[in-house]
Amino acid sequence: MRAVIQRVTASRVVVQNTRVGSIGDGLLVLLGIQAGDTDDDLKFLADKIIHLRIFEDQSGKMNRSLLDSGGQMLVVSQFTLLADCRKGRRPNFLLAEQPDKAAATVQQFTQYVAGQGIAVETGKFGADMQVHLVNDGPVTIILDSRDYFHDRK
């Protein structure tokens, strides 16, 4: 499971000129589900994101988590995070999970995050989405659960 995390002051997702999800201060999470991802990947990555200390404290140091700051999360499924560009010029997406399984995993991810007390909004799985954001900092971090489970790479 791969995620690109962006600290934002605002973010929204639009599908066919209709806003489907939006947040204020918090994190925009672009989430890619890899074939073979498990509940361990999901919980690890969700917990890591929720508890990353990337929000400023009173001293201006990145010392507070999303949970500490009371921020929100906007989760946007993005299979292109699993692109393999090592050969040729056209990326392949063979590492990405099948759409039905990926959709269920994204839903489980958002439910898990919401269960930790975070207000969560989402994009629309499989849709052509326009993602708008105001990146705060800018702070952008990439996480891959398989970096932490070395035996499963």
N, C-alpha and C. Protein backbone atom coordinates (compact mmCIF):
# COMPACT_ATOMS: atom_id res chain seq x y z
N MET A 1 0.87 -1.16 0.00
CA MET A 1 0.00 0.00 0.00
C MET A 1 0.91 1.23 0.00
N ARG A 2 0.62 2.13 -0.91
CA ARG A 2 1.44 3.32 -1.07
C ARG A 2 0.58 4.56 -0.86
N ALA A 3 1.18 5.57 -0.25
CA ALA A 3 0.44 6.81 -0.03
C ALA A 3 1.35 8.01 -0.25
N VAL A 4 0.77 9.02 -0.88
CA VAL A 4 1.39 10.33 -0.95
C VAL A 4 0.55 11.22 -0.04
N ILE A 5 1.18 11.78 0.97
CA ILE A 5 0.49 12.55 1.99
C ILE A 5 0.88 14.01 1.84
N GLN A 6 -0.12 14.87 1.74
CA GLN A 6 0.14 16.30 1.62
C GLN A 6 -0.60 17.04 2.72
N ARG A 7 0.15 17.82 3.47
CA ARG A 7 -0.48 18.67 4.49
C ARG A 7 -1.13 19.83 3.76
N VAL A 8 -2.40 20.06 4.06
CA VAL A 8 -3.17 21.07 3.32
C VAL A 8 -3.92 22.00 4.27
N THR A 9 -4.21 23.19 3.76
CA THR A 9 -5.13 24.08 4.47
C THR A 9 -6.54 23.93 3.90
N ALA A 10 -6.63 23.34 2.70
CA ALA A 10 -7.91 23.04 2.08
C ALA A 10 -7.68 22.08 0.92
N SER A 11 -8.64 21.20 0.70
CA SER A 11 -8.57 20.29 -0.44
C SER A 11 -9.99 19.83 -0.78
N ARG A 12 -10.20 19.58 -2.07
CA ARG A 12 -11.51 19.08 -2.49
C ARG A 12 -11.34 18.22 -3.74
N VAL A 13 -12.32 17.35 -3.94
CA VAL A 13 -12.36 16.49 -5.12
C VAL A 13 -13.64 16.79 -5.87
N VAL A 14 -13.51 16.98 -7.17
CA VAL A 14 -14.65 17.29 -8.03
C VAL A 14 -14.77 16.21 -9.10
N VAL A 15 -15.99 15.71 -9.29
CA VAL A 15 -16.29 14.74 -10.34
C VAL A 15 -17.44 15.30 -11.17
N GLN A 16 -17.24 15.46 -12.45
CA GLN A 16 -18.25 16.01 -13.36
C GLN A 16 -18.88 17.29 -12.80
N ASN A 17 -18.02 18.21 -12.42
CA ASN A 17 -18.41 19.53 -11.90
C ASN A 17 -19.17 19.48 -10.58
N THR A 18 -19.12 18.36 -9.88
CA THR A 18 -19.77 18.23 -8.59
C THR A 18 -18.73 17.89 -7.52
N ARG A 19 -18.72 18.66 -6.45
CA ARG A 19 -17.79 18.37 -5.35
C ARG A 19 -18.28 17.11 -4.63
N VAL A 20 -17.38 16.13 -4.51
CA VAL A 20 -17.74 14.88 -3.84
C VAL A 20 -17.08 14.74 -2.47
N GLY A 21 -16.06 15.51 -2.20
CA GLY A 21 -15.39 15.49 -0.91
C GLY A 21 -14.57 16.74 -0.73
N SER A 22 -14.51 17.25 0.51
CA SER A 22 -13.69 18.43 0.76
C SER A 22 -13.34 18.50 2.24
N ILE A 23 -12.17 19.08 2.51
CA ILE A 23 -11.72 19.28 3.89
C ILE A 23 -11.07 20.66 4.02
N GLY A 24 -10.91 21.08 5.26
CA GLY A 24 -10.11 22.26 5.58
C GLY A 24 -8.72 21.80 5.97
N ASP A 25 -8.21 22.28 7.10
CA ASP A 25 -6.87 21.88 7.56
C ASP A 25 -6.80 20.38 7.77
N GLY A 26 -5.73 19.79 7.26
CA GLY A 26 -5.55 18.35 7.46
C GLY A 26 -4.62 17.76 6.44
N LEU A 27 -4.95 16.53 6.02
CA LEU A 27 -4.11 15.79 5.09
C LEU A 27 -4.90 15.30 3.89
N LEU A 28 -4.34 15.53 2.72
CA LEU A 28 -4.81 14.89 1.50
C LEU A 28 -3.96 13.63 1.35
N VAL A 29 -4.63 12.48 1.26
CA VAL A 29 -3.92 11.21 1.13
C VAL A 29 -4.29 10.57 -0.20
N LEU A 30 -3.31 10.51 -1.10
CA LEU A 30 -3.47 9.78 -2.36
C LEU A 30 -3.05 8.35 -2.05
N LEU A 31 -3.97 7.39 -2.24
CA LEU A 31 -3.77 6.03 -1.74
C LEU A 31 -3.78 5.02 -2.88
N GLY A 32 -2.70 4.26 -2.99
CA GLY A 32 -2.60 3.20 -3.99
C GLY A 32 -2.59 1.84 -3.31
N ILE A 33 -3.49 0.97 -3.75
CA ILE A 33 -3.59 -0.37 -3.17
C ILE A 33 -2.85 -1.34 -4.07
N GLN A 34 -1.89 -2.06 -3.49
CA GLN A 34 -1.08 -3.01 -4.25
C GLN A 34 -1.66 -4.41 -4.09
N ALA A 35 -1.57 -5.19 -5.16
CA ALA A 35 -2.02 -6.58 -5.09
C ALA A 35 -1.32 -7.28 -3.93
N GLY A 36 -2.09 -7.96 -3.11
CA GLY A 36 -1.52 -8.67 -1.98
C GLY A 36 -1.50 -7.88 -0.69
N ASP A 37 -1.92 -6.63 -0.70
CA ASP A 37 -1.97 -5.86 0.55
C ASP A 37 -2.93 -6.53 1.52
N THR A 38 -2.60 -6.45 2.80
CA THR A 38 -3.37 -7.11 3.85
C THR A 38 -3.90 -6.10 4.84
N ASP A 39 -4.66 -6.58 5.82
CA ASP A 39 -5.12 -5.73 6.92
C ASP A 39 -3.94 -5.13 7.67
N ASP A 40 -2.84 -5.86 7.75
CA ASP A 40 -1.64 -5.33 8.42
C ASP A 40 -1.12 -4.09 7.69
N ASP A 41 -1.10 -4.13 6.36
CA ASP A 41 -0.68 -2.96 5.58
C ASP A 41 -1.60 -1.79 5.85
N LEU A 42 -2.90 -2.06 5.81
CA LEU A 42 -3.91 -1.03 6.00
C LEU A 42 -3.76 -0.36 7.37
N LYS A 43 -3.73 -1.16 8.41
CA LYS A 43 -3.66 -0.60 9.77
C LYS A 43 -2.33 0.10 10.00
N PHE A 44 -1.25 -0.49 9.52
CA PHE A 44 0.05 0.14 9.70
C PHE A 44 0.08 1.51 9.05
N LEU A 45 -0.33 1.56 7.77
CA LEU A 45 -0.25 2.82 7.04
C LEU A 45 -1.20 3.87 7.61
N ALA A 46 -2.42 3.45 7.94
CA ALA A 46 -3.38 4.40 8.52
C ALA A 46 -2.85 4.95 9.83
N ASP A 47 -2.35 4.08 10.70
CA ASP A 47 -1.81 4.54 11.99
C ASP A 47 -0.60 5.45 11.80
N LYS A 48 0.27 5.09 10.86
CA LYS A 48 1.46 5.90 10.59
C LYS A 48 1.05 7.30 10.15
N ILE A 49 0.07 7.39 9.25
CA ILE A 49 -0.37 8.68 8.73
C ILE A 49 -1.03 9.51 9.84
N ILE A 50 -1.91 8.90 10.60
CA ILE A 50 -2.63 9.60 11.66
C ILE A 50 -1.68 10.17 12.71
N HIS A 51 -0.59 9.44 12.98
CA HIS A 51 0.31 9.82 14.07
C HIS A 51 1.59 10.52 13.61
N LEU A 52 1.76 10.71 12.29
CA LEU A 52 2.95 11.43 11.82
C LEU A 52 2.95 12.84 12.40
N ARG A 53 4.04 13.24 13.00
CA ARG A 53 4.14 14.56 13.61
C ARG A 53 4.61 15.56 12.55
N ILE A 54 3.66 16.04 11.75
CA ILE A 54 3.99 16.94 10.65
C ILE A 54 3.21 18.25 10.71
N PHE A 55 2.54 18.49 11.84
CA PHE A 55 1.83 19.75 12.05
C PHE A 55 2.60 20.55 13.09
N GLU A 56 2.63 21.86 12.90
CA GLU A 56 3.45 22.71 13.78
C GLU A 56 2.82 22.89 15.15
N ASP A 57 3.70 22.94 16.15
CA ASP A 57 3.27 23.27 17.51
C ASP A 57 3.39 24.78 17.72
N GLN A 58 3.25 25.24 18.95
CA GLN A 58 3.31 26.67 19.25
C GLN A 58 4.67 27.27 18.94
N SER A 59 5.72 26.45 18.90
CA SER A 59 7.06 26.93 18.61
C SER A 59 7.39 26.89 17.12
N GLY A 60 6.44 26.46 16.31
CA GLY A 60 6.68 26.39 14.88
C GLY A 60 7.41 25.13 14.44
N LYS A 61 7.55 24.16 15.33
CA LYS A 61 8.22 22.89 14.99
C LYS A 61 7.17 21.84 14.63
N MET A 62 7.51 21.00 13.66
CA MET A 62 6.60 19.92 13.30
C MET A 62 6.63 18.89 14.43
N ASN A 63 5.65 19.01 15.32
CA ASN A 63 5.65 18.21 16.54
C ASN A 63 4.27 17.65 16.86
N ARG A 64 3.27 17.95 16.02
CA ARG A 64 1.91 17.52 16.29
C ARG A 64 1.41 16.63 15.15
N SER A 65 0.59 15.66 15.52
CA SER A 65 0.01 14.74 14.53
C SER A 65 -1.34 15.26 14.05
N LEU A 66 -1.89 14.58 13.07
CA LEU A 66 -3.24 14.89 12.60
C LEU A 66 -4.22 14.74 13.76
N LEU A 67 -4.05 13.71 14.53
CA LEU A 67 -4.92 13.47 15.68
C LEU A 67 -4.79 14.60 16.71
N ASP A 68 -3.56 15.03 16.98
CA ASP A 68 -3.31 16.12 17.93
C ASP A 68 -3.91 17.44 17.45
N SER A 69 -3.84 17.67 16.14
CA SER A 69 -4.23 18.97 15.59
C SER A 69 -5.74 19.08 15.33
N GLY A 70 -6.44 17.94 15.38
CA GLY A 70 -7.88 17.97 15.09
C GLY A 70 -8.18 18.14 13.61
N GLY A 71 -7.20 17.85 12.76
CA GLY A 71 -7.38 18.01 11.33
C GLY A 71 -8.22 16.90 10.71
N GLN A 72 -8.53 17.10 9.45
CA GLN A 72 -9.35 16.16 8.69
C GLN A 72 -8.48 15.44 7.66
N MET A 73 -9.05 14.40 7.04
CA MET A 73 -8.34 13.66 6.00
C MET A 73 -9.24 13.51 4.78
N LEU A 74 -8.66 13.75 3.61
CA LEU A 74 -9.33 13.50 2.35
C LEU A 74 -8.56 12.37 1.67
N VAL A 75 -9.22 11.24 1.45
CA VAL A 75 -8.59 10.06 0.86
C VAL A 75 -9.04 9.94 -0.59
N VAL A 76 -8.05 9.88 -1.49
CA VAL A 76 -8.33 9.75 -2.92
C VAL A 76 -7.58 8.51 -3.43
N SER A 77 -8.33 7.54 -3.90
CA SER A 77 -7.73 6.33 -4.46
C SER A 77 -6.98 6.68 -5.73
N GLN A 78 -5.76 6.15 -5.86
CA GLN A 78 -4.94 6.47 -7.03
C GLN A 78 -4.05 5.30 -7.39
N PHE A 79 -4.54 4.43 -8.28
CA PHE A 79 -3.78 3.25 -8.69
C PHE A 79 -2.48 3.61 -9.39
N THR A 80 -2.39 4.81 -9.95
CA THR A 80 -1.18 5.19 -10.68
C THR A 80 0.04 5.31 -9.77
N LEU A 81 -0.17 5.33 -8.46
CA LEU A 81 0.97 5.32 -7.54
C LEU A 81 1.75 4.00 -7.63
N LEU A 82 1.13 2.98 -8.21
CA LEU A 82 1.77 1.68 -8.35
C LEU A 82 2.40 1.50 -9.73
N ALA A 83 2.56 2.59 -10.47
CA ALA A 83 3.13 2.51 -11.82
C ALA A 83 4.55 1.97 -11.78
N ASP A 84 4.84 1.07 -12.70
CA ASP A 84 6.19 0.56 -12.88
C ASP A 84 6.70 1.18 -14.19
N CYS A 85 7.69 2.04 -14.07
CA CYS A 85 8.21 2.78 -15.22
C CYS A 85 9.63 2.36 -15.58
N ARG A 86 10.05 1.20 -15.10
CA ARG A 86 11.44 0.78 -15.32
C ARG A 86 11.74 0.46 -16.77
N LYS A 87 10.76 -0.04 -17.51
CA LYS A 87 11.00 -0.42 -18.90
C LYS A 87 10.17 0.45 -19.83
N GLY A 88 10.78 0.88 -20.90
CA GLY A 88 10.07 1.64 -21.92
C GLY A 88 9.56 2.97 -21.40
N ARG A 89 8.55 3.49 -22.10
CA ARG A 89 8.02 4.81 -21.77
C ARG A 89 6.58 4.78 -21.34
N ARG A 90 5.95 3.60 -21.42
CA ARG A 90 4.56 3.48 -20.99
C ARG A 90 4.56 2.73 -19.66
N PRO A 91 4.04 3.36 -18.61
CA PRO A 91 4.01 2.68 -17.31
C PRO A 91 3.07 1.47 -17.36
N ASN A 92 3.43 0.44 -16.59
CA ASN A 92 2.47 -0.65 -16.43
C ASN A 92 1.97 -0.60 -14.99
N PHE A 93 0.80 -1.14 -14.80
CA PHE A 93 0.14 -1.08 -13.49
C PHE A 93 -0.15 -2.47 -12.95
N LEU A 94 0.73 -3.42 -13.27
CA LEU A 94 0.53 -4.81 -12.86
C LEU A 94 0.62 -4.99 -11.35
N LEU A 95 1.24 -4.05 -10.65
CA LEU A 95 1.34 -4.14 -9.20
C LEU A 95 0.04 -3.73 -8.50
N ALA A 96 -0.80 -2.98 -9.20
CA ALA A 96 -2.04 -2.47 -8.59
C ALA A 96 -3.04 -3.60 -8.38
N GLU A 97 -3.79 -3.49 -7.29
CA GLU A 97 -4.84 -4.46 -6.97
C GLU A 97 -5.98 -4.35 -7.97
N GLN A 98 -6.72 -5.44 -8.17
CA GLN A 98 -7.92 -5.43 -9.02
C GLN A 98 -8.92 -4.41 -8.47
N PRO A 99 -9.64 -3.71 -9.34
CA PRO A 99 -10.52 -2.62 -8.91
C PRO A 99 -11.51 -2.98 -7.80
N ASP A 100 -12.17 -4.12 -7.88
CA ASP A 100 -13.16 -4.45 -6.85
C ASP A 100 -12.52 -4.62 -5.47
N LYS A 101 -11.37 -5.29 -5.44
CA LYS A 101 -10.66 -5.47 -4.17
C LYS A 101 -10.09 -4.14 -3.67
N ALA A 102 -9.56 -3.35 -4.61
CA ALA A 102 -8.99 -2.05 -4.23
C ALA A 102 -10.06 -1.14 -3.65
N ALA A 103 -11.23 -1.11 -4.27
CA ALA A 103 -12.33 -0.26 -3.77
C ALA A 103 -12.71 -0.66 -2.35
N ALA A 104 -12.79 -1.96 -2.10
CA ALA A 104 -13.13 -2.43 -0.75
C ALA A 104 -12.05 -2.06 0.25
N THR A 105 -10.80 -2.14 -0.15
CA THR A 105 -9.69 -1.80 0.74
C THR A 105 -9.67 -0.31 1.06
N VAL A 106 -9.93 0.52 0.06
CA VAL A 106 -9.99 1.97 0.29
C VAL A 106 -11.11 2.28 1.28
N GLN A 107 -12.24 1.63 1.11
CA GLN A 107 -13.36 1.84 2.03
C GLN A 107 -12.98 1.39 3.45
N GLN A 108 -12.32 0.26 3.58
CA GLN A 108 -11.86 -0.21 4.89
C GLN A 108 -10.88 0.78 5.51
N PHE A 109 -10.00 1.32 4.68
CA PHE A 109 -9.01 2.30 5.15
C PHE A 109 -9.72 3.51 5.74
N THR A 110 -10.67 4.05 4.99
CA THR A 110 -11.37 5.26 5.47
C THR A 110 -12.19 4.95 6.73
N GLN A 111 -12.79 3.78 6.80
CA GLN A 111 -13.55 3.41 8.00
C GLN A 111 -12.62 3.27 9.21
N TYR A 112 -11.45 2.69 8.98
CA TYR A 112 -10.48 2.54 10.07
C TYR A 112 -10.04 3.91 10.58
N VAL A 113 -9.72 4.82 9.66
CA VAL A 113 -9.28 6.16 10.04
C VAL A 113 -10.39 6.88 10.81
N ALA A 114 -11.62 6.79 10.30
CA ALA A 114 -12.75 7.42 10.98
C ALA A 114 -12.93 6.83 12.38
N GLY A 115 -12.68 5.55 12.53
CA GLY A 115 -12.78 4.89 13.83
C GLY A 115 -11.74 5.37 14.83
N GLN A 116 -10.71 6.03 14.33
CA GLN A 116 -9.66 6.58 15.22
C GLN A 116 -9.97 8.02 15.60
N GLY A 117 -11.15 8.51 15.19
CA GLY A 117 -11.57 9.85 15.58
C GLY A 117 -11.24 10.94 14.59
N ILE A 118 -10.89 10.57 13.36
CA ILE A 118 -10.55 11.55 12.33
C ILE A 118 -11.76 11.72 11.40
N ALA A 119 -12.11 12.97 11.10
CA ALA A 119 -13.15 13.24 10.10
C ALA A 119 -12.56 12.95 8.73
N VAL A 120 -13.22 12.06 7.96
CA VAL A 120 -12.68 11.61 6.68
C VAL A 120 -13.68 11.89 5.56
N GLU A 121 -13.16 12.41 4.47
CA GLU A 121 -13.90 12.58 3.22
C GLU A 121 -13.17 11.75 2.17
N THR A 122 -13.84 11.46 1.05
CA THR A 122 -13.21 10.66 0.00
C THR A 122 -13.52 11.23 -1.37
N GLY A 123 -12.75 10.76 -2.33
CA GLY A 123 -13.07 10.99 -3.72
C GLY A 123 -14.08 9.93 -4.14
N LYS A 124 -14.19 9.71 -5.44
CA LYS A 124 -15.11 8.69 -5.97
C LYS A 124 -14.28 7.65 -6.70
N PHE A 125 -14.27 6.44 -6.16
CA PHE A 125 -13.42 5.38 -6.70
C PHE A 125 -13.72 5.17 -8.19
N GLY A 126 -12.66 5.11 -8.99
CA GLY A 126 -12.78 4.81 -10.40
C GLY A 126 -13.22 5.96 -11.28
N ALA A 127 -13.54 7.08 -10.69
CA ALA A 127 -14.02 8.22 -11.48
C ALA A 127 -12.84 9.07 -11.96
N ASP A 128 -13.11 9.86 -12.98
CA ASP A 128 -12.16 10.87 -13.43
C ASP A 128 -12.33 12.05 -12.48
N MET A 129 -11.36 12.27 -11.62
CA MET A 129 -11.47 13.27 -10.55
C MET A 129 -10.52 14.42 -10.78
N GLN A 130 -10.95 15.60 -10.36
CA GLN A 130 -10.06 16.74 -10.29
C GLN A 130 -9.83 17.00 -8.80
N VAL A 131 -8.57 16.97 -8.41
CA VAL A 131 -8.20 17.15 -7.01
C VAL A 131 -7.59 18.54 -6.86
N HIS A 132 -8.21 19.34 -6.02
CA HIS A 132 -7.73 20.70 -5.75
C HIS A 132 -7.16 20.72 -4.34
N LEU A 133 -6.03 21.41 -4.18
CA LEU A 133 -5.45 21.48 -2.85
C LEU A 133 -4.64 22.75 -2.68
N VAL A 134 -4.54 23.16 -1.43
CA VAL A 134 -3.61 24.19 -1.04
C VAL A 134 -2.62 23.50 -0.12
N ASN A 135 -1.45 23.18 -0.67
CA ASN A 135 -0.42 22.47 0.07
C ASN A 135 0.18 23.42 1.09
N ASP A 136 0.19 22.99 2.33
CA ASP A 136 0.65 23.82 3.44
C ASP A 136 2.09 23.49 3.76
N GLY A 137 2.98 24.42 3.54
CA GLY A 137 4.39 24.22 3.88
C GLY A 137 5.32 24.57 2.73
N PRO A 138 5.36 23.80 1.67
CA PRO A 138 4.64 22.56 1.41
C PRO A 138 5.24 21.38 2.17
N VAL A 139 4.37 20.51 2.61
CA VAL A 139 4.77 19.26 3.25
C VAL A 139 4.16 18.13 2.44
N THR A 140 5.00 17.31 1.83
CA THR A 140 4.58 16.16 1.05
C THR A 140 5.46 14.98 1.43
N ILE A 141 4.84 13.86 1.80
CA ILE A 141 5.57 12.68 2.27
C ILE A 141 5.04 11.46 1.54
N ILE A 142 5.95 10.57 1.17
CA ILE A 142 5.58 9.32 0.51
C ILE A 142 5.85 8.17 1.47
N LEU A 143 4.84 7.29 1.63
CA LEU A 143 4.98 6.11 2.48
C LEU A 143 4.59 4.87 1.68
N ASP A 144 5.27 3.78 1.94
CA ASP A 144 4.94 2.49 1.34
C ASP A 144 5.02 1.45 2.45
N SER A 145 3.90 0.77 2.71
CA SER A 145 3.88 -0.20 3.80
C SER A 145 4.91 -1.31 3.58
N ARG A 146 5.24 -1.59 2.34
CA ARG A 146 6.19 -2.67 2.07
C ARG A 146 7.62 -2.30 2.44
N ASP A 147 7.88 -1.03 2.64
CA ASP A 147 9.18 -0.62 3.14
C ASP A 147 9.37 -1.08 4.58
N TYR A 148 8.28 -1.36 5.26
CA TYR A 148 8.33 -1.75 6.66
C TYR A 148 8.16 -3.25 6.84
N PHE A 149 7.65 -3.93 5.81
CA PHE A 149 7.50 -5.39 5.84
C PHE A 149 8.43 -5.96 4.76
N HIS A 150 9.74 -5.98 5.06
CA HIS A 150 10.75 -6.28 4.06
C HIS A 150 10.61 -7.67 3.43
N ASP A 151 10.07 -8.59 4.17
CA ASP A 151 9.96 -9.95 3.65
C ASP A 151 8.87 -10.09 2.59
N ARG A 152 8.07 -9.05 2.35
CA ARG A 152 6.96 -9.13 1.40
C ARG A 152 7.17 -8.28 0.15
N LYS A 153 8.32 -7.70 -0.04
CA LYS A 153 8.53 -6.82 -1.21
C LYS A 153 8.38 -7.57 -2.49
